[in-house]
Amino acid sequence: MKGFTEKAGARPWWSVAAVLCVAAAVVLLLLGRQDWAFAVAVLGVVAWFMNVRAQLHRANVGRDAERARDEDEDSDDETEEDAGGY
């Protein structure tokens, strides 16, 4: 499973927590504990939002690193042009 998550670029911890919370909410609902089912379902939704937030954060970090690398390459090109042309 580690290979799959590395390829997909995702760490499924928040997703697993969301699924477990929703499953627990369904069980609690079937047992007639609506208040607890609602509370656990809300925790599942929060876990899902945290998963989306983590994915967006990883995407932004990668994009920022790529942008910095491109800027470094551009500044190296400008330095070479300035040194060669009198």
PDB file of N, CA and C in Angstrom:
ATOM      1  N   MET A   1       0.825  -1.194   0.000  1.00  0.00           N
ATOM      2  CA  MET A   1       0.000   0.000   0.000  1.00  0.00           C
ATOM      3  C   MET A   1       0.867   1.255   0.000  1.00  0.00           C
ATOM      4  N   LYS A   2       2.052   1.169   0.567  1.00  0.00           N
ATOM      5  CA  LYS A   2       2.909   2.340   0.598  1.00  0.00           C
ATOM      6  C   LYS A   2       3.268   2.792  -0.811  1.00  0.00           C
ATOM      7  N   GLY A   3       3.526   1.844  -1.707  1.00  0.00           N
ATOM      8  CA  GLY A   3       3.844   2.197  -3.082  1.00  0.00           C
ATOM      9  C   GLY A   3       2.698   2.918  -3.758  1.00  0.00           C
ATOM     10  N   PHE A   4       1.477   2.490  -3.494  1.00  0.00           N
ATOM     11  CA  PHE A   4       0.310   3.143  -4.085  1.00  0.00           C
ATOM     12  C   PHE A   4       0.194   4.582  -3.610  1.00  0.00           C
ATOM     13  N   THR A   5       0.382   4.795  -2.313  1.00  0.00           N
ATOM     14  CA  THR A   5       0.215   6.151  -1.783  1.00  0.00           C
ATOM     15  C   THR A   5       1.329   7.064  -2.261  1.00  0.00           C
ATOM     16  N   GLU A   6       2.538   6.522  -2.433  1.00  0.00           N
ATOM     17  CA  GLU A   6       3.620   7.352  -2.941  1.00  0.00           C
ATOM     18  C   GLU A   6       3.352   7.757  -4.380  1.00  0.00           C
ATOM     19  N   LYS A   7       2.829   6.824  -5.185  1.00  0.00           N
ATOM     20  CA  LYS A   7       2.531   7.142  -6.577  1.00  0.00           C
ATOM     21  C   LYS A   7       1.397   8.152  -6.672  1.00  0.00           C
ATOM     22  N   ALA A   8       0.389   7.976  -5.853  1.00  0.00           N
ATOM     23  CA  ALA A   8      -0.763   8.869  -5.900  1.00  0.00           C
ATOM     24  C   ALA A   8      -0.465  10.201  -5.219  1.00  0.00           C
ATOM     25  N   GLY A   9       0.578  10.257  -4.410  1.00  0.00           N
ATOM     26  CA  GLY A   9       0.909  11.486  -3.722  1.00  0.00           C
ATOM     27  C   GLY A   9      -0.018  11.775  -2.560  1.00  0.00           C
ATOM     28  N   ALA A  10      -0.616  10.743  -2.006  1.00  0.00           N
ATOM     29  CA  ALA A  10      -1.567  10.954  -0.926  1.00  0.00           C
ATOM     30  C   ALA A  10      -1.205  10.079   0.266  1.00  0.00           C
ATOM     31  N   ARG A  11      -1.469  10.606   1.433  1.00  0.00           N
ATOM     32  CA  ARG A  11      -1.325   9.811   2.650  1.00  0.00           C
ATOM     33  C   ARG A  11      -2.737   9.609   3.173  1.00  0.00           C
ATOM     34  N   PRO A  12      -3.174   8.368   3.255  1.00  0.00           N
ATOM     35  CA  PRO A  12      -4.602   8.118   3.482  1.00  0.00           C
ATOM     36  C   PRO A  12      -5.057   8.183   4.938  1.00  0.00           C
ATOM     37  N   TRP A  13      -4.265   8.739   5.849  1.00  0.00           N
ATOM     38  CA  TRP A  13      -4.647   8.684   7.259  1.00  0.00           C
ATOM     39  C   TRP A  13      -5.962   9.406   7.535  1.00  0.00           C
ATOM     40  N   TRP A  14      -6.136  10.574   7.000  1.00  0.00           N
ATOM     41  CA  TRP A  14      -7.388  11.295   7.234  1.00  0.00           C
ATOM     42  C   TRP A  14      -8.548  10.604   6.528  1.00  0.00           C
ATOM     43  N   SER A  15      -8.281  10.014   5.374  1.00  0.00           N
ATOM     44  CA  SER A  15      -9.337   9.292   4.661  1.00  0.00           C
ATOM     45  C   SER A  15      -9.804   8.081   5.463  1.00  0.00           C
ATOM     46  N   VAL A  16      -8.858   7.366   6.036  1.00  0.00           N
ATOM     47  CA  VAL A  16      -9.197   6.198   6.853  1.00  0.00           C
ATOM     48  C   VAL A  16     -10.010   6.636   8.066  1.00  0.00           C
ATOM     49  N   ALA A  17      -9.598   7.716   8.698  1.00  0.00           N
ATOM     50  CA  ALA A  17     -10.341   8.217   9.860  1.00  0.00           C
ATOM     51  C   ALA A  17     -11.764   8.609   9.464  1.00  0.00           C
ATOM     52  N   ALA A  18     -11.920   9.228   8.295  1.00  0.00           N
ATOM     53  CA  ALA A  18     -13.251   9.637   7.838  1.00  0.00           C
ATOM     54  C   ALA A  18     -14.140   8.426   7.599  1.00  0.00           C
ATOM     55  N   VAL A  19     -13.601   7.417   6.943  1.00  0.00           N
ATOM     56  CA  VAL A  19     -14.392   6.210   6.655  1.00  0.00           C
ATOM     57  C   VAL A  19     -14.770   5.496   7.949  1.00  0.00           C
ATOM     58  N   LEU A  20     -13.826   5.397   8.873  1.00  0.00           N
ATOM     59  CA  LEU A  20     -14.133   4.736  10.149  1.00  0.00           C
ATOM     60  C   LEU A  20     -15.197   5.505  10.935  1.00  0.00           C
ATOM     61  N   CYS A  21     -15.123   6.811  10.912  1.00  0.00           N
ATOM     62  CA  CYS A  21     -16.135   7.615  11.618  1.00  0.00           C
ATOM     63  C   CYS A  21     -17.519   7.442  10.998  1.00  0.00           C
ATOM     64  N   VAL A  22     -17.586   7.429   9.686  1.00  0.00           N
ATOM     65  CA  VAL A  22     -18.888   7.251   9.032  1.00  0.00           C
ATOM     66  C   VAL A  22     -19.436   5.856   9.309  1.00  0.00           C
ATOM     67  N   ALA A  23     -18.565   4.848   9.282  1.00  0.00           N
ATOM     68  CA  ALA A  23     -19.014   3.480   9.589  1.00  0.00           C
ATOM     69  C   ALA A  23     -19.518   3.392  11.031  1.00  0.00           C
ATOM     70  N   ALA A  24     -18.794   4.019  11.947  1.00  0.00           N
ATOM     71  CA  ALA A  24     -19.230   4.019  13.345  1.00  0.00           C
ATOM     72  C   ALA A  24     -20.546   4.771  13.500  1.00  0.00           C
ATOM     73  N   ALA A  25     -20.710   5.843  12.750  1.00  0.00           N
ATOM     74  CA  ALA A  25     -21.963   6.601  12.816  1.00  0.00           C
ATOM     75  C   ALA A  25     -23.139   5.757  12.341  1.00  0.00           C
ATOM     76  N   VAL A  26     -22.928   4.981  11.291  1.00  0.00           N
ATOM     77  CA  VAL A  26     -24.001   4.110  10.795  1.00  0.00           C
ATOM     78  C   VAL A  26     -24.370   3.075  11.849  1.00  0.00           C
ATOM     79  N   VAL A  27     -23.368   2.478  12.474  1.00  0.00           N
ATOM     80  CA  VAL A  27     -23.635   1.481  13.518  1.00  0.00           C
ATOM     81  C   VAL A  27     -24.382   2.122  14.676  1.00  0.00           C
ATOM     82  N   LEU A  28     -23.940   3.294  15.095  1.00  0.00           N
ATOM     83  CA  LEU A  28     -24.625   3.980  16.192  1.00  0.00           C
ATOM     84  C   LEU A  28     -26.051   4.351  15.814  1.00  0.00           C
ATOM     85  N   LEU A  29     -26.265   4.706  14.568  1.00  0.00           N
ATOM     86  CA  LEU A  29     -27.613   5.024  14.116  1.00  0.00           C
ATOM     87  C   LEU A  29     -28.507   3.789  14.163  1.00  0.00           C
ATOM     88  N   LEU A  30     -27.961   2.660  13.744  1.00  0.00           N
ATOM     89  CA  LEU A  30     -28.730   1.409  13.791  1.00  0.00           C
ATOM     90  C   LEU A  30     -29.023   0.978  15.221  1.00  0.00           C
ATOM     91  N   LEU A  31     -28.158   1.347  16.140  1.00  0.00           N
ATOM     92  CA  LEU A  31     -28.381   1.012  17.550  1.00  0.00           C
ATOM     93  C   LEU A  31     -29.317   2.002  18.244  1.00  0.00           C
ATOM     94  N   GLY A  32     -29.748   3.032  17.509  1.00  0.00           N
ATOM     95  CA  GLY A  32     -30.690   3.986  18.073  1.00  0.00           C
ATOM     96  C   GLY A  32     -30.044   5.123  18.844  1.00  0.00           C
ATOM     97  N   ARG A  33     -28.756   5.316  18.690  1.00  0.00           N
ATOM     98  CA  ARG A  33     -28.047   6.395  19.389  1.00  0.00           C
ATOM     99  C   ARG A  33     -27.815   7.553  18.429  1.00  0.00           C
ATOM    100  N   GLN A  34     -28.897   8.270  18.088  1.00  0.00           N
ATOM    101  CA  GLN A  34     -28.832   9.321  17.078  1.00  0.00           C
ATOM    102  C   GLN A  34     -27.884  10.450  17.462  1.00  0.00           C
ATOM    103  N   ASP A  35     -27.869  10.846  18.719  1.00  0.00           N
ATOM    104  CA  ASP A  35     -26.991  11.940  19.148  1.00  0.00           C
ATOM    105  C   ASP A  35     -25.526  11.584  18.927  1.00  0.00           C
ATOM    106  N   TRP A  36     -25.141  10.399  19.359  1.00  0.00           N
ATOM    107  CA  TRP A  36     -23.761   9.952  19.176  1.00  0.00           C
ATOM    108  C   TRP A  36     -23.445   9.726  17.697  1.00  0.00           C
ATOM    109  N   ALA A  37     -24.408   9.223  16.954  1.00  0.00           N
ATOM    110  CA  ALA A  37     -24.196   9.006  15.519  1.00  0.00           C
ATOM    111  C   ALA A  37     -23.914  10.335  14.820  1.00  0.00           C
ATOM    112  N   PHE A  38     -24.665  11.359  15.179  1.00  0.00           N
ATOM    113  CA  PHE A  38     -24.447  12.675  14.595  1.00  0.00           C
ATOM    114  C   PHE A  38     -23.058  13.205  14.943  1.00  0.00           C
ATOM    115  N   ALA A  39     -22.685  13.094  16.205  1.00  0.00           N
ATOM    116  CA  ALA A  39     -21.379  13.603  16.644  1.00  0.00           C
ATOM    117  C   ALA A  39     -20.237  12.890  15.921  1.00  0.00           C
ATOM    118  N   VAL A  40     -20.325  11.582  15.786  1.00  0.00           N
ATOM    119  CA  VAL A  40     -19.272  10.812  15.123  1.00  0.00           C
ATOM    120  C   VAL A  40     -19.261  11.121  13.622  1.00  0.00           C
ATOM    121  N   ALA A  41     -20.436  11.310  13.031  1.00  0.00           N
ATOM    122  CA  ALA A  41     -20.502  11.670  11.615  1.00  0.00           C
ATOM    123  C   ALA A  41     -19.853  13.037  11.377  1.00  0.00           C
ATOM    124  N   VAL A  42     -20.066  13.976  12.288  1.00  0.00           N
ATOM    125  CA  VAL A  42     -19.431  15.290  12.170  1.00  0.00           C
ATOM    126  C   VAL A  42     -17.916  15.140  12.237  1.00  0.00           C
ATOM    127  N   LEU A  43     -17.420  14.294  13.116  1.00  0.00           N
ATOM    128  CA  LEU A  43     -15.978  14.046  13.180  1.00  0.00           C
ATOM    129  C   LEU A  43     -15.470  13.446  11.867  1.00  0.00           C
ATOM    130  N   GLY A  44     -16.272  12.591  11.249  1.00  0.00           N
ATOM    131  CA  GLY A  44     -15.898  12.026   9.957  1.00  0.00           C
ATOM    132  C   GLY A  44     -15.804  13.087   8.874  1.00  0.00           C
ATOM    133  N   VAL A  45     -16.731  14.023   8.883  1.00  0.00           N
ATOM    134  CA  VAL A  45     -16.700  15.117   7.905  1.00  0.00           C
ATOM    135  C   VAL A  45     -15.478  16.003   8.147  1.00  0.00           C
ATOM    136  N   VAL A  46     -15.165  16.259   9.403  1.00  0.00           N
ATOM    137  CA  VAL A  46     -13.971  17.055   9.728  1.00  0.00           C
ATOM    138  C   VAL A  46     -12.716  16.334   9.242  1.00  0.00           C
ATOM    139  N   ALA A  47     -12.655  15.016   9.442  1.00  0.00           N
ATOM    140  CA  ALA A  47     -11.502  14.243   8.971  1.00  0.00           C
ATOM    141  C   ALA A  47     -11.396  14.310   7.451  1.00  0.00           C
ATOM    142  N   TRP A  48     -12.523  14.274   6.769  1.00  0.00           N
ATOM    143  CA  TRP A  48     -12.497  14.362   5.302  1.00  0.00           C
ATOM    144  C   TRP A  48     -11.964  15.725   4.860  1.00  0.00           C
ATOM    145  N   PHE A  49     -12.416  16.807   5.514  1.00  0.00           N
ATOM    146  CA  PHE A  49     -11.902  18.136   5.184  1.00  0.00           C
ATOM    147  C   PHE A  49     -10.405  18.249   5.478  1.00  0.00           C
ATOM    148  N   MET A  50      -9.947  17.623   6.546  1.00  0.00           N
ATOM    149  CA  MET A  50      -8.518  17.633   6.850  1.00  0.00           C
ATOM    150  C   MET A  50      -7.733  16.895   5.772  1.00  0.00           C
ATOM    151  N   ASN A  51      -8.313  15.830   5.212  1.00  0.00           N
ATOM    152  CA  ASN A  51      -7.676  15.104   4.123  1.00  0.00           C
ATOM    153  C   ASN A  51      -7.540  16.007   2.896  1.00  0.00           C
ATOM    154  N   VAL A  52      -8.595  16.719   2.549  1.00  0.00           N
ATOM    155  CA  VAL A  52      -8.553  17.625   1.406  1.00  0.00           C
ATOM    156  C   VAL A  52      -7.530  18.730   1.660  1.00  0.00           C
ATOM    157  N   ARG A  53      -7.504  19.262   2.877  1.00  0.00           N
ATOM    158  CA  ARG A  53      -6.549  20.313   3.220  1.00  0.00           C
ATOM    159  C   ARG A  53      -5.112  19.814   3.099  1.00  0.00           C
ATOM    160  N   ALA A  54      -4.852  18.597   3.566  1.00  0.00           N
ATOM    161  CA  ALA A  54      -3.500  18.037   3.481  1.00  0.00           C
ATOM    162  C   ALA A  54      -3.080  17.846   2.023  1.00  0.00           C
ATOM    163  N   GLN A  55      -4.005  17.405   1.180  1.00  0.00           N
ATOM    164  CA  GLN A  55      -3.689  17.231  -0.241  1.00  0.00           C
ATOM    165  C   GLN A  55      -3.376  18.572  -0.898  1.00  0.00           C
ATOM    166  N   LEU A  56      -4.160  19.586  -0.592  1.00  0.00           N
ATOM    167  CA  LEU A  56      -3.907  20.912  -1.156  1.00  0.00           C
ATOM    168  C   LEU A  56      -2.582  21.481  -0.665  1.00  0.00           C
ATOM    169  N   HIS A  57      -2.275  21.240   0.600  1.00  0.00           N
ATOM    170  CA  HIS A  57      -1.009  21.721   1.151  1.00  0.00           C
ATOM    171  C   HIS A  57       0.173  21.071   0.441  1.00  0.00           C
ATOM    172  N   ARG A  58       0.101  19.746   0.242  1.00  0.00           N
ATOM    173  CA  ARG A  58       1.187  19.053  -0.463  1.00  0.00           C
ATOM    174  C   ARG A  58       1.323  19.557  -1.890  1.00  0.00           C
ATOM    175  N   ALA A  59       0.206  19.822  -2.545  1.00  0.00           N
ATOM    176  CA  ALA A  59       0.255  20.331  -3.921  1.00  0.00           C
ATOM    177  C   ALA A  59       0.887  21.717  -3.958  1.00  0.00           C
ATOM    178  N   ASN A  60       0.549  22.568  -2.996  1.00  0.00           N
ATOM    179  CA  ASN A  60       1.117  23.917  -2.957  1.00  0.00           C
ATOM    180  C   ASN A  60       2.603  23.897  -2.631  1.00  0.00           C
ATOM    181  N   VAL A  61       3.024  23.019  -1.742  1.00  0.00           N
ATOM    182  CA  VAL A  61       4.441  22.917  -1.407  1.00  0.00           C
ATOM    183  C   VAL A  61       5.223  22.477  -2.643  1.00  0.00           C
ATOM    184  N   GLY A  62       4.696  21.506  -3.364  1.00  0.00           N
ATOM    185  CA  GLY A  62       5.359  21.055  -4.593  1.00  0.00           C
ATOM    186  C   GLY A  62       5.415  22.148  -5.637  1.00  0.00           C
ATOM    187  N   ARG A  63       4.339  22.889  -5.782  1.00  0.00           N
ATOM    188  CA  ARG A  63       4.282  23.978  -6.749  1.00  0.00           C
ATOM    189  C   ARG A  63       5.263  25.099  -6.368  1.00  0.00           C
ATOM    190  N   ASP A  64       5.350  25.405  -5.077  1.00  0.00           N
ATOM    191  CA  ASP A  64       6.285  26.433  -4.626  1.00  0.00           C
ATOM    192  C   ASP A  64       7.728  26.006  -4.864  1.00  0.00           C
ATOM    193  N   ALA A  65       8.033  24.739  -4.619  1.00  0.00           N
ATOM    194  CA  ALA A  65       9.389  24.240  -4.848  1.00  0.00           C
ATOM    195  C   ALA A  65       9.742  24.307  -6.328  1.00  0.00           C
ATOM    196  N   GLU A  66       8.778  23.953  -7.177  1.00  0.00           N
ATOM    197  CA  GLU A  66       9.015  24.013  -8.621  1.00  0.00           C
ATOM    198  C   GLU A  66       9.218  25.457  -9.075  1.00  0.00           C
ATOM    199  N   ARG A  67       8.429  26.367  -8.543  1.00  0.00           N
ATOM    200  CA  ARG A  67       8.551  27.780  -8.903  1.00  0.00           C
ATOM    201  C   ARG A  67       9.920  28.323  -8.466  1.00  0.00           C
ATOM    202  N   ALA A  68      10.369  27.953  -7.266  1.00  0.00           N
ATOM    203  CA  ALA A  68      11.674  28.411  -6.783  1.00  0.00           C
ATOM    204  C   ALA A  68      12.795  27.845  -7.652  1.00  0.00           C
ATOM    205  N   ARG A  69      12.651  26.588  -8.064  1.00  0.00           N
ATOM    206  CA  ARG A  69      13.656  25.968  -8.927  1.00  0.00           C
ATOM    207  C   ARG A  69      13.705  26.682 -10.277  1.00  0.00           C
ATOM    208  N   ASP A  70      12.544  27.027 -10.821  1.00  0.00           N
ATOM    209  CA  ASP A  70      12.495  27.748 -12.095  1.00  0.00           C
ATOM    210  C   ASP A  70      13.126  29.142 -11.964  1.00  0.00           C
ATOM    211  N   GLU A  71      12.862  29.818 -10.853  1.00  0.00           N
ATOM    212  CA  GLU A  71      13.443  31.144 -10.643  1.00  0.00           C
ATOM    213  C   GLU A  71      14.957  31.055 -10.512  1.00  0.00           C
ATOM    214  N   ASP A  72      15.453  30.010  -9.850  1.00  0.00           N
ATOM    215  CA  ASP A  72      16.902  29.830  -9.741  1.00  0.00           C
ATOM    216  C   ASP A  72      17.522  29.604 -11.109  1.00  0.00           C
ATOM    217  N   GLU A  73      16.873  28.805 -11.951  1.00  0.00           N
ATOM    218  CA  GLU A  73      17.383  28.555 -13.292  1.00  0.00           C
ATOM    219  C   GLU A  73      17.375  29.841 -14.122  1.00  0.00           C
ATOM    220  N   ASP A  74      16.317  30.637 -13.973  1.00  0.00           N
ATOM    221  CA  ASP A  74      16.230  31.901 -14.708  1.00  0.00           C
ATOM    222  C   ASP A  74      17.325  32.871 -14.267  1.00  0.00           C
ATOM    223  N   SER A  75      17.586  32.937 -12.966  1.00  0.00           N
ATOM    224  CA  SER A  75      18.619  33.854 -12.484  1.00  0.00           C
ATOM    225  C   SER A  75      20.003  33.374 -12.922  1.00  0.00           C
ATOM    226  N   ASP A  76      20.222  32.054 -13.006  1.00  0.00           N
ATOM    227  CA  ASP A  76      21.492  31.528 -13.504  1.00  0.00           C
ATOM    228  C   ASP A  76      21.685  31.894 -14.967  1.00  0.00           C
ATOM    229  N   ASP A  77      20.622  31.820 -15.756  1.00  0.00           N
ATOM    230  CA  ASP A  77      20.704  32.175 -17.174  1.00  0.00           C
ATOM    231  C   ASP A  77      21.038  33.657 -17.339  1.00  0.00           C
ATOM    232  N   GLU A  78      20.424  34.516 -16.539  1.00  0.00           N
ATOM    233  CA  GLU A  78      20.682  35.952 -16.627  1.00  0.00           C
ATOM    234  C   GLU A  78      22.113  36.267 -16.220  1.00  0.00           C
ATOM    235  N   THR A  79      22.628  35.554 -15.218  1.00  0.00           N
ATOM    236  CA  THR A  79      24.000  35.777 -14.765  1.00  0.00           C
ATOM    237  C   THR A  79      24.988  35.404 -15.858  1.00  0.00           C
ATOM    238  N   GLU A  80      24.746  34.297 -16.548  1.00  0.00           N
ATOM    239  CA  GLU A  80      25.613  33.870 -17.640  1.00  0.00           C
ATOM    240  C   GLU A  80      25.589  34.879 -18.796  1.00  0.00           C
ATOM    241  N   GLU A  81      24.427  35.430 -19.107  1.00  0.00           N
ATOM    242  CA  GLU A  81      24.299  36.409 -20.177  1.00  0.00           C
ATOM    243  C   GLU A  81      25.036  37.705 -19.815  1.00  0.00           C
ATOM    244  N   ASP A  82      24.927  38.139 -18.554  1.00  0.00           N
ATOM    245  CA  ASP A  82      25.590  39.356 -18.124  1.00  0.00           C
ATOM    246  C   ASP A  82      27.096  39.207 -18.137  1.00  0.00           C
ATOM    247  N   ALA A  83      27.611  38.040 -17.795  1.00  0.00           N
ATOM    248  CA  ALA A  83      29.053  37.836 -17.729  1.00  0.00           C
ATOM    249  C   ALA A  83      29.661  37.765 -19.130  1.00  0.00           C
ATOM    250  N   GLY A  84      28.924  37.273 -20.104  1.00  0.00           N
ATOM    251  CA  GLY A  84      29.483  37.088 -21.447  1.00  0.00           C
ATOM    252  C   GLY A  84      29.378  38.310 -22.338  1.00  0.00           C
ATOM    253  N   GLY A  85      28.460  39.190 -22.111  1.00  0.00           N
ATOM    254  CA  GLY A  85      28.245  40.303 -23.033  1.00  0.00           C
ATOM    255  C   GLY A  85      28.714  41.623 -22.471  1.00  0.00           C
ATOM    256  N   TYR A  86      29.763  42.175 -23.038  1.00  0.00           N
ATOM    257  CA  TYR A  86      30.278  43.473 -22.564  1.00  0.00           C
ATOM    258  C   TYR A  86      29.635  44.588 -23.292  1.00  0.00           C
TER     259      TYR A  86
END
